[in-house]
């Protein structure tokens, strides 16, 4: 399972997503996503253990 971190122009994490479709939805909502990086396996484990990464997206 892959997870992605979305960053704004200042390099701050603004969202964590699991699919490209989630990223596209956030872009359509106006989130200023400047960069998307695939999370390392050890980072992604935390998302899969705690809950869905979309829980991190307060507007989603």
Protein backbone atom coordinates (compact mmCIF):
# COMPACT_ATOMS: atom_id res chain seq x y z
CA UNK A 1 0.00 0.00 0.00
CA UNK A 2 1.42 3.40 -0.99
CA UNK A 3 0.90 6.67 0.82
CA UNK A 4 1.85 10.14 -0.33
CA UNK A 5 2.69 13.38 1.45
CA UNK A 6 1.55 16.61 -0.22
CA UNK A 7 3.57 19.77 0.38
CA UNK A 8 2.84 23.44 -0.21
CA UNK A 9 5.29 25.90 -1.80
CA UNK A 10 7.03 26.41 1.55
CA UNK A 11 7.72 22.70 2.04
CA UNK A 12 5.09 22.22 4.75
CA UNK A 13 3.03 19.02 4.78
CA UNK A 14 -0.57 19.94 4.02
CA UNK A 15 -2.07 16.49 3.41
CA UNK A 16 -1.40 12.78 3.35
CA UNK A 17 -3.18 10.72 0.70
CA UNK A 18 -3.34 7.13 -0.41
CA UNK A 19 -4.37 7.55 -4.06
CA UNK A 20 -3.81 9.94 -6.93
CA UNK A 21 -7.58 10.53 -6.98
CA UNK A 22 -7.45 11.90 -3.42
CA UNK A 23 -4.64 14.25 -4.46
CA UNK A 24 -6.66 15.47 -7.46
CA UNK A 25 -9.70 16.12 -5.25
CA UNK A 26 -7.61 18.25 -2.91
CA UNK A 27 -6.22 20.22 -5.87
CA UNK A 28 -9.77 20.86 -7.15
CA UNK A 29 -10.69 22.04 -3.64
CA UNK A 30 -7.98 24.67 -3.99
CA UNK A 31 -5.31 23.19 -1.73
CA UNK A 32 -1.93 24.67 -2.80
CA UNK A 33 -0.18 21.37 -3.51
CA UNK A 34 3.25 22.18 -4.96
CA UNK A 35 4.89 18.76 -4.51
CA UNK A 36 3.82 15.18 -3.88
CA UNK A 37 6.26 12.61 -2.48
CA UNK A 38 5.75 8.92 -1.88
CA UNK A 39 6.21 8.11 1.78
CA UNK A 40 8.91 5.66 2.84
CA UNK A 41 7.65 2.28 4.00
CA UNK A 42 8.40 3.09 7.64
CA UNK A 43 6.41 6.33 7.37
CA UNK A 44 3.50 4.66 5.58
CA UNK A 45 3.23 2.01 8.31
CA UNK A 46 2.18 4.73 10.76
CA UNK A 47 -0.70 5.76 8.46
CA UNK A 48 -1.91 2.20 8.04
CA UNK A 49 -1.72 1.51 11.78
CA UNK A 50 -3.40 4.69 13.00
CA UNK A 51 -6.18 5.06 10.43
CA UNK A 52 -6.78 6.34 6.95
CA UNK A 53 -4.39 9.07 5.80
CA UNK A 54 -7.44 11.11 4.81
CA UNK A 55 -8.05 11.67 8.55
CA UNK A 56 -5.08 14.04 8.32
CA UNK A 57 -6.94 16.13 5.73
CA UNK A 58 -9.16 18.32 7.87
CA UNK A 59 -11.15 19.65 4.88
CA UNK A 60 -11.64 16.27 3.17
